[in-house]
Amino acid sequence: MIRHMLNFDFKSVLDIENKLFFCPWTKKDFLDSFVDKCNCYVYETNGSIVGYVVFKKNKYSIDILNIAVHEKFQLKNIGKELIDHVKNKLKNKRYYINVNVRETNLGCQLFLKRQEFKAIAVCEKYFYNEKNEEYEDSYLFAYNNI
């Protein structure tokens, strides 16, 4: 079941975030997304949070800022359902969904290609890794519903 993210979901969301990413979002990052009026949803099954997506609606597009599925629940269509949920937010005036993916995140790149996203650009030094103080390029993926 996909539902709005609530304050009491943060522990589960942060557990997933910290297990999957070497530069994870912090609780402050998630709180900032609420302040920025982003849409934050979780995927809940049997009372447990197993995935989430954070996105921002713009005038003509939607930007996915963060998406993840717990590793034990990957390849079970949960990620697809989260992406489909975002696709359903495209209305008459919004035509694109954009997401930047780290150059090293091959799993996410392949997942997005399966969801009909196309890599349309390379964004140099897009991500900053505070742990080793280096920048990493990203691939900009886009889904077009036209």
N, C-alpha and C. Protein backbone atom coordinates (compact mmCIF):
# COMPACT_ATOMS: atom_id res chain seq x y z
N MET A 1 0.85 -1.17 0.00
CA MET A 1 0.00 0.00 0.00
C MET A 1 0.90 1.24 0.00
N ILE A 2 0.60 2.17 -0.87
CA ILE A 2 1.33 3.43 -0.93
C ILE A 2 0.51 4.49 -0.20
N ARG A 3 1.19 5.20 0.70
CA ARG A 3 0.52 6.25 1.47
C ARG A 3 1.51 7.38 1.73
N HIS A 4 0.98 8.52 2.20
CA HIS A 4 1.83 9.66 2.54
C HIS A 4 2.80 9.27 3.66
N MET A 5 4.02 9.78 3.57
CA MET A 5 5.01 9.58 4.62
C MET A 5 4.62 10.44 5.83
N LEU A 6 4.72 9.84 7.01
CA LEU A 6 4.40 10.53 8.26
C LEU A 6 5.64 10.58 9.14
N ASN A 7 5.60 11.43 10.17
CA ASN A 7 6.77 11.57 11.05
C ASN A 7 7.23 10.25 11.64
N PHE A 8 6.30 9.39 12.02
CA PHE A 8 6.71 8.13 12.65
C PHE A 8 7.30 7.13 11.66
N ASP A 9 7.32 7.46 10.37
CA ASP A 9 7.95 6.60 9.36
C ASP A 9 9.45 6.84 9.23
N PHE A 10 9.94 7.95 9.81
CA PHE A 10 11.34 8.34 9.59
C PHE A 10 12.34 7.25 9.97
N LYS A 11 12.12 6.57 11.09
CA LYS A 11 13.09 5.55 11.51
C LYS A 11 13.24 4.48 10.44
N SER A 12 12.14 3.97 9.94
CA SER A 12 12.18 2.92 8.91
C SER A 12 12.78 3.45 7.61
N VAL A 13 12.39 4.65 7.22
CA VAL A 13 12.89 5.25 6.00
C VAL A 13 14.41 5.46 6.11
N LEU A 14 14.85 5.99 7.24
CA LEU A 14 16.29 6.22 7.42
C LEU A 14 17.07 4.91 7.48
N ASP A 15 16.48 3.86 8.04
CA ASP A 15 17.14 2.54 8.05
C ASP A 15 17.38 2.07 6.61
N ILE A 16 16.37 2.18 5.77
CA ILE A 16 16.50 1.78 4.36
C ILE A 16 17.54 2.66 3.68
N GLU A 17 17.43 3.96 3.88
CA GLU A 17 18.35 4.92 3.25
C GLU A 17 19.80 4.61 3.61
N ASN A 18 20.06 4.36 4.90
CA ASN A 18 21.42 4.12 5.36
C ASN A 18 21.98 2.78 4.89
N LYS A 19 21.12 1.80 4.69
CA LYS A 19 21.58 0.49 4.22
C LYS A 19 21.91 0.51 2.73
N LEU A 20 21.22 1.34 1.97
CA LEU A 20 21.35 1.30 0.52
C LEU A 20 22.37 2.28 -0.06
N PHE A 21 22.60 3.40 0.59
CA PHE A 21 23.38 4.46 -0.03
C PHE A 21 24.62 4.81 0.78
N PHE A 22 25.72 5.05 0.07
CA PHE A 22 26.95 5.44 0.78
C PHE A 22 26.95 6.92 1.12
N CYS A 23 26.08 7.69 0.54
CA CYS A 23 25.86 9.11 0.91
C CYS A 23 24.37 9.29 1.16
N PRO A 24 23.88 8.73 2.26
CA PRO A 24 22.42 8.76 2.50
C PRO A 24 21.91 10.13 2.90
N TRP A 25 20.62 10.32 2.62
CA TRP A 25 19.93 11.49 3.13
C TRP A 25 19.87 11.37 4.66
N THR A 26 19.84 12.52 5.31
CA THR A 26 19.68 12.56 6.77
C THR A 26 18.21 12.85 7.08
N LYS A 27 17.89 12.76 8.36
CA LYS A 27 16.54 13.12 8.77
C LYS A 27 16.24 14.56 8.37
N LYS A 28 17.25 15.44 8.50
CA LYS A 28 17.07 16.84 8.12
C LYS A 28 16.73 16.96 6.63
N ASP A 29 17.38 16.15 5.79
CA ASP A 29 17.08 16.18 4.35
C ASP A 29 15.62 15.83 4.10
N PHE A 30 15.13 14.81 4.79
CA PHE A 30 13.72 14.44 4.61
C PHE A 30 12.80 15.53 5.16
N LEU A 31 13.14 16.09 6.31
CA LEU A 31 12.33 17.18 6.87
C LEU A 31 12.33 18.38 5.94
N ASP A 32 13.49 18.70 5.35
CA ASP A 32 13.56 19.81 4.39
C ASP A 32 12.65 19.56 3.19
N SER A 33 12.52 18.31 2.78
CA SER A 33 11.65 18.01 1.64
C SER A 33 10.18 18.29 1.99
N PHE A 34 9.81 18.07 3.26
CA PHE A 34 8.46 18.44 3.70
C PHE A 34 8.29 19.96 3.63
N VAL A 35 9.28 20.68 4.13
CA VAL A 35 9.22 22.15 4.14
C VAL A 35 9.14 22.69 2.72
N ASP A 36 9.86 22.04 1.78
CA ASP A 36 9.86 22.48 0.38
C ASP A 36 8.61 22.03 -0.38
N LYS A 37 7.64 21.49 0.36
CA LYS A 37 6.37 21.05 -0.22
C LYS A 37 6.55 19.95 -1.26
N CYS A 38 7.50 19.06 -0.98
CA CYS A 38 7.66 17.88 -1.83
C CYS A 38 6.60 16.86 -1.46
N ASN A 39 6.37 15.94 -2.35
CA ASN A 39 5.46 14.84 -2.12
C ASN A 39 6.29 13.67 -1.61
N CYS A 40 5.95 13.15 -0.44
CA CYS A 40 6.70 12.07 0.19
C CYS A 40 5.76 10.91 0.47
N TYR A 41 6.06 9.77 -0.14
CA TYR A 41 5.21 8.59 0.01
C TYR A 41 6.04 7.40 0.45
N VAL A 42 5.40 6.50 1.19
CA VAL A 42 6.04 5.25 1.58
C VAL A 42 5.23 4.09 1.02
N TYR A 43 5.92 2.97 0.86
CA TYR A 43 5.26 1.72 0.48
C TYR A 43 5.28 0.86 1.74
N GLU A 44 4.10 0.52 2.21
CA GLU A 44 3.95 -0.26 3.44
C GLU A 44 3.35 -1.62 3.12
N THR A 45 3.95 -2.66 3.67
CA THR A 45 3.40 -4.00 3.52
C THR A 45 3.50 -4.72 4.85
N ASN A 46 2.42 -5.33 5.27
CA ASN A 46 2.36 -6.04 6.55
C ASN A 46 2.86 -5.20 7.72
N GLY A 47 2.52 -3.92 7.71
CA GLY A 47 2.89 -3.02 8.80
C GLY A 47 4.32 -2.52 8.77
N SER A 48 5.08 -2.86 7.73
CA SER A 48 6.48 -2.42 7.63
C SER A 48 6.67 -1.53 6.41
N ILE A 49 7.50 -0.51 6.58
CA ILE A 49 7.87 0.36 5.46
C ILE A 49 8.99 -0.35 4.70
N VAL A 50 8.77 -0.57 3.40
CA VAL A 50 9.77 -1.28 2.60
C VAL A 50 10.27 -0.44 1.42
N GLY A 51 9.71 0.75 1.23
CA GLY A 51 10.15 1.62 0.16
C GLY A 51 9.57 3.01 0.32
N TYR A 52 10.11 3.94 -0.47
CA TYR A 52 9.62 5.32 -0.40
C TYR A 52 10.04 6.06 -1.66
N VAL A 53 9.35 7.16 -1.90
CA VAL A 53 9.69 8.06 -3.00
C VAL A 53 9.42 9.49 -2.54
N VAL A 54 10.32 10.38 -2.92
CA VAL A 54 10.17 11.81 -2.65
C VAL A 54 10.28 12.53 -3.98
N PHE A 55 9.28 13.36 -4.30
CA PHE A 55 9.33 14.07 -5.57
C PHE A 55 8.74 15.46 -5.42
N LYS A 56 9.11 16.30 -6.37
CA LYS A 56 8.62 17.69 -6.37
C LYS A 56 7.93 17.97 -7.69
N LYS A 57 6.73 18.51 -7.59
CA LYS A 57 5.99 18.91 -8.79
C LYS A 57 6.42 20.31 -9.20
N ASN A 58 6.74 20.47 -10.46
CA ASN A 58 7.05 21.77 -11.04
C ASN A 58 5.95 22.10 -12.05
N LYS A 59 6.04 23.23 -12.68
CA LYS A 59 4.99 23.65 -13.61
C LYS A 59 4.79 22.64 -14.74
N TYR A 60 5.89 22.17 -15.35
CA TYR A 60 5.76 21.27 -16.50
C TYR A 60 6.37 19.89 -16.27
N SER A 61 6.88 19.65 -15.08
CA SER A 61 7.55 18.36 -14.86
C SER A 61 7.47 17.97 -13.39
N ILE A 62 7.95 16.77 -13.13
CA ILE A 62 8.10 16.26 -11.78
C ILE A 62 9.54 15.81 -11.63
N ASP A 63 10.18 16.20 -10.53
CA ASP A 63 11.54 15.76 -10.25
C ASP A 63 11.51 14.75 -9.10
N ILE A 64 12.00 13.55 -9.37
CA ILE A 64 12.14 12.57 -8.29
C ILE A 64 13.46 12.90 -7.59
N LEU A 65 13.37 13.15 -6.30
CA LEU A 65 14.54 13.52 -5.52
C LEU A 65 15.16 12.32 -4.82
N ASN A 66 14.34 11.34 -4.48
CA ASN A 66 14.84 10.16 -3.78
C ASN A 66 13.82 9.04 -3.95
N ILE A 67 14.34 7.85 -4.21
CA ILE A 67 13.49 6.67 -4.30
C ILE A 67 14.32 5.48 -3.86
N ALA A 68 13.72 4.61 -3.07
CA ALA A 68 14.46 3.43 -2.61
C ALA A 68 13.48 2.34 -2.20
N VAL A 69 13.95 1.11 -2.33
CA VAL A 69 13.22 -0.07 -1.87
C VAL A 69 14.19 -0.92 -1.06
N HIS A 70 13.77 -1.35 0.11
CA HIS A 70 14.60 -2.21 0.96
C HIS A 70 15.12 -3.37 0.13
N GLU A 71 16.40 -3.71 0.33
CA GLU A 71 17.04 -4.72 -0.52
C GLU A 71 16.32 -6.07 -0.49
N LYS A 72 15.68 -6.43 0.61
CA LYS A 72 14.96 -7.72 0.68
C LYS A 72 13.68 -7.71 -0.14
N PHE A 73 13.22 -6.51 -0.53
CA PHE A 73 11.97 -6.38 -1.26
C PHE A 73 12.17 -5.92 -2.70
N GLN A 74 13.42 -5.82 -3.12
CA GLN A 74 13.68 -5.43 -4.51
C GLN A 74 13.31 -6.58 -5.44
N LEU A 75 13.03 -6.23 -6.68
CA LEU A 75 12.60 -7.19 -7.72
C LEU A 75 11.25 -7.82 -7.41
N LYS A 76 10.42 -7.10 -6.66
CA LYS A 76 9.06 -7.56 -6.34
C LYS A 76 8.02 -6.54 -6.80
N ASN A 77 8.38 -5.70 -7.75
CA ASN A 77 7.51 -4.69 -8.35
C ASN A 77 7.16 -3.51 -7.44
N ILE A 78 7.78 -3.42 -6.28
CA ILE A 78 7.50 -2.30 -5.38
C ILE A 78 8.04 -1.01 -5.99
N GLY A 79 9.25 -1.03 -6.51
CA GLY A 79 9.81 0.15 -7.16
C GLY A 79 8.96 0.58 -8.34
N LYS A 80 8.50 -0.40 -9.12
CA LYS A 80 7.62 -0.10 -10.26
C LYS A 80 6.33 0.56 -9.78
N GLU A 81 5.76 0.06 -8.70
CA GLU A 81 4.53 0.66 -8.17
C GLU A 81 4.77 2.09 -7.70
N LEU A 82 5.93 2.34 -7.09
CA LEU A 82 6.24 3.71 -6.66
C LEU A 82 6.39 4.63 -7.87
N ILE A 83 7.09 4.16 -8.91
CA ILE A 83 7.24 4.95 -10.14
C ILE A 83 5.87 5.17 -10.79
N ASP A 84 5.05 4.14 -10.85
CA ASP A 84 3.71 4.29 -11.43
C ASP A 84 2.89 5.31 -10.65
N HIS A 85 3.08 5.34 -9.33
CA HIS A 85 2.38 6.32 -8.50
C HIS A 85 2.79 7.74 -8.91
N VAL A 86 4.08 7.93 -9.16
CA VAL A 86 4.55 9.24 -9.61
C VAL A 86 4.02 9.54 -11.01
N LYS A 87 4.06 8.55 -11.91
CA LYS A 87 3.54 8.75 -13.27
C LYS A 87 2.08 9.18 -13.24
N ASN A 88 1.32 8.64 -12.30
CA ASN A 88 -0.10 9.00 -12.19
C ASN A 88 -0.31 10.45 -11.76
N LYS A 89 0.74 11.09 -11.24
CA LYS A 89 0.66 12.50 -10.85
C LYS A 89 0.85 13.43 -12.04
N LEU A 90 1.28 12.88 -13.18
CA LEU A 90 1.40 13.70 -14.39
C LEU A 90 -0.01 14.06 -14.84
N LYS A 91 -0.26 15.31 -14.96
CA LYS A 91 -1.58 15.78 -15.40
C LYS A 91 -1.43 16.41 -16.77
N ASN A 92 -2.47 17.01 -17.25
CA ASN A 92 -2.47 17.60 -18.59
C ASN A 92 -1.30 18.54 -18.84
N LYS A 93 -0.91 19.31 -17.84
CA LYS A 93 0.13 20.31 -18.06
C LYS A 93 1.54 19.81 -17.72
N ARG A 94 1.67 18.66 -17.06
CA ARG A 94 2.99 18.12 -16.72
C ARG A 94 3.31 16.99 -17.67
N TYR A 95 4.49 17.06 -18.27
CA TYR A 95 4.81 16.11 -19.32
C TYR A 95 6.01 15.22 -19.03
N TYR A 96 6.85 15.58 -18.07
CA TYR A 96 8.09 14.86 -17.86
C TYR A 96 8.28 14.48 -16.39
N ILE A 97 8.99 13.39 -16.19
CA ILE A 97 9.51 13.05 -14.87
C ILE A 97 11.02 12.97 -15.03
N ASN A 98 11.74 13.66 -14.18
CA ASN A 98 13.20 13.69 -14.23
C ASN A 98 13.78 13.11 -12.95
N VAL A 99 14.91 12.44 -13.09
CA VAL A 99 15.63 11.94 -11.91
C VAL A 99 17.12 11.87 -12.24
N ASN A 100 17.93 12.39 -11.32
CA ASN A 100 19.38 12.30 -11.46
C ASN A 100 19.86 11.07 -10.69
N VAL A 101 20.72 10.28 -11.34
CA VAL A 101 21.22 9.04 -10.75
C VAL A 101 22.74 9.08 -10.77
N ARG A 102 23.33 8.70 -9.66
CA ARG A 102 24.80 8.64 -9.60
C ARG A 102 25.33 7.76 -10.71
N GLU A 103 26.44 8.17 -11.26
CA GLU A 103 27.09 7.40 -12.32
C GLU A 103 27.40 5.97 -11.87
N THR A 104 27.67 5.79 -10.59
CA THR A 104 28.02 4.47 -10.05
C THR A 104 26.81 3.62 -9.68
N ASN A 105 25.60 4.17 -9.76
CA ASN A 105 24.40 3.43 -9.35
C ASN A 105 23.78 2.71 -10.54
N LEU A 106 24.45 1.68 -11.00
CA LEU A 106 24.00 0.93 -12.18
C LEU A 106 22.64 0.29 -11.95
N GLY A 107 22.39 -0.21 -10.75
CA GLY A 107 21.11 -0.85 -10.46
C GLY A 107 19.93 0.08 -10.71
N CYS A 108 20.04 1.31 -10.25
CA CYS A 108 18.97 2.28 -10.45
C CYS A 108 18.85 2.67 -11.92
N GLN A 109 19.97 2.80 -12.59
CA GLN A 109 19.94 3.13 -14.02
C GLN A 109 19.17 2.06 -14.80
N LEU A 110 19.48 0.80 -14.54
CA LEU A 110 18.80 -0.29 -15.24
C LEU A 110 17.32 -0.35 -14.88
N PHE A 111 17.02 -0.11 -13.60
CA PHE A 111 15.63 -0.08 -13.15
C PHE A 111 14.85 1.00 -13.91
N LEU A 112 15.40 2.21 -14.01
CA LEU A 112 14.70 3.29 -14.68
C LEU A 112 14.50 2.99 -16.16
N LYS A 113 15.47 2.37 -16.79
CA LYS A 113 15.30 1.99 -18.20
C LYS A 113 14.13 1.02 -18.36
N ARG A 114 13.98 0.10 -17.42
CA ARG A 114 12.84 -0.83 -17.47
C ARG A 114 11.51 -0.11 -17.26
N GLN A 115 11.55 1.07 -16.64
CA GLN A 115 10.33 1.85 -16.40
C GLN A 115 10.10 2.90 -17.49
N GLU A 116 10.78 2.76 -18.62
CA GLU A 116 10.63 3.60 -19.80
C GLU A 116 11.27 4.98 -19.66
N PHE A 117 12.22 5.12 -18.75
CA PHE A 117 13.00 6.36 -18.64
C PHE A 117 14.17 6.24 -19.61
N LYS A 118 14.63 7.39 -20.09
CA LYS A 118 15.78 7.44 -20.99
C LYS A 118 16.83 8.37 -20.40
N ALA A 119 18.09 7.96 -20.49
CA ALA A 119 19.18 8.84 -20.07
C ALA A 119 19.32 9.93 -21.13
N ILE A 120 19.20 11.18 -20.73
CA ILE A 120 19.21 12.27 -21.71
C ILE A 120 20.40 13.21 -21.55
N ALA A 121 21.11 13.12 -20.43
CA ALA A 121 22.24 14.03 -20.23
C ALA A 121 23.16 13.50 -19.14
N VAL A 122 24.38 13.97 -19.19
CA VAL A 122 25.35 13.74 -18.12
C VAL A 122 25.53 15.07 -17.41
N CYS A 123 25.38 15.07 -16.11
CA CYS A 123 25.56 16.27 -15.31
C CYS A 123 26.86 16.12 -14.53
N GLU A 124 27.86 16.86 -14.96
CA GLU A 124 29.18 16.73 -14.34
C GLU A 124 29.19 17.26 -12.92
N LYS A 125 29.83 16.50 -12.06
CA LYS A 125 30.03 16.88 -10.65
C LYS A 125 28.71 17.26 -9.98
N TYR A 126 27.67 16.49 -10.23
CA TYR A 126 26.33 16.80 -9.72
C TYR A 126 26.20 16.44 -8.23
N PHE A 127 26.75 15.29 -7.85
CA PHE A 127 26.65 14.83 -6.47
C PHE A 127 27.97 15.08 -5.73
N TYR A 128 27.86 15.49 -4.49
CA TYR A 128 29.05 15.66 -3.66
C TYR A 128 29.08 14.59 -2.58
N ASN A 129 30.20 13.91 -2.48
CA ASN A 129 30.38 12.88 -1.48
C ASN A 129 31.19 13.48 -0.33
N GLU A 130 30.51 13.77 0.78
CA GLU A 130 31.17 14.40 1.92
C GLU A 130 32.21 13.49 2.56
N LYS A 131 32.01 12.18 2.46
CA LYS A 131 32.92 11.24 3.12
C LYS A 131 34.32 11.30 2.52
N ASN A 132 34.41 11.35 1.20
CA ASN A 132 35.75 11.41 0.59
C ASN A 132 36.00 12.75 -0.12
N GLU A 133 35.09 13.69 0.09
CA GLU A 133 35.23 15.05 -0.43
C GLU A 133 35.48 15.07 -1.94
N GLU A 134 34.72 14.29 -2.66
CA GLU A 134 34.83 14.25 -4.12
C GLU A 134 33.45 14.44 -4.74
N TYR A 135 33.45 14.86 -5.97
CA TYR A 135 32.22 15.00 -6.73
C TYR A 135 32.03 13.79 -7.63
N GLU A 136 30.77 13.51 -7.94
CA GLU A 136 30.45 12.41 -8.85
C GLU A 136 29.46 12.90 -9.89
N ASP A 137 29.66 12.47 -11.12
CA ASP A 137 28.73 12.81 -12.19
C ASP A 137 27.41 12.08 -12.00
N SER A 138 26.37 12.60 -12.63
CA SER A 138 25.08 11.91 -12.62
C SER A 138 24.59 11.77 -14.05
N TYR A 139 23.69 10.83 -14.23
CA TYR A 139 22.94 10.73 -15.47
C TYR A 139 21.56 11.27 -15.19
N LEU A 140 21.10 12.16 -16.06
CA LEU A 140 19.74 12.66 -15.95
C LEU A 140 18.85 11.75 -16.78
N PHE A 141 17.91 11.10 -16.09
CA PHE A 141 16.94 10.24 -16.76
C PHE A 141 15.62 10.99 -16.84
N ALA A 142 14.89 10.77 -17.92
CA ALA A 142 13.59 11.43 -18.09
C ALA A 142 12.56 10.45 -18.63
N TYR A 143 11.36 10.62 -18.14
CA TYR A 143 10.20 9.89 -18.66
C TYR A 143 9.30 10.94 -19.29
N ASN A 144 8.84 10.67 -20.49
CA ASN A 144 8.03 11.61 -21.24
C ASN A 144 6.68 10.95 -21.52
N ASN A 145 5.60 11.56 -21.09
CA ASN A 145 4.28 10.96 -21.30
C ASN A 145 3.56 11.53 -22.53
N ILE A 146 4.28 12.27 -23.36
CA ILE A 146 3.64 12.84 -24.57
C ILE A 146 3.56 11.76 -25.63
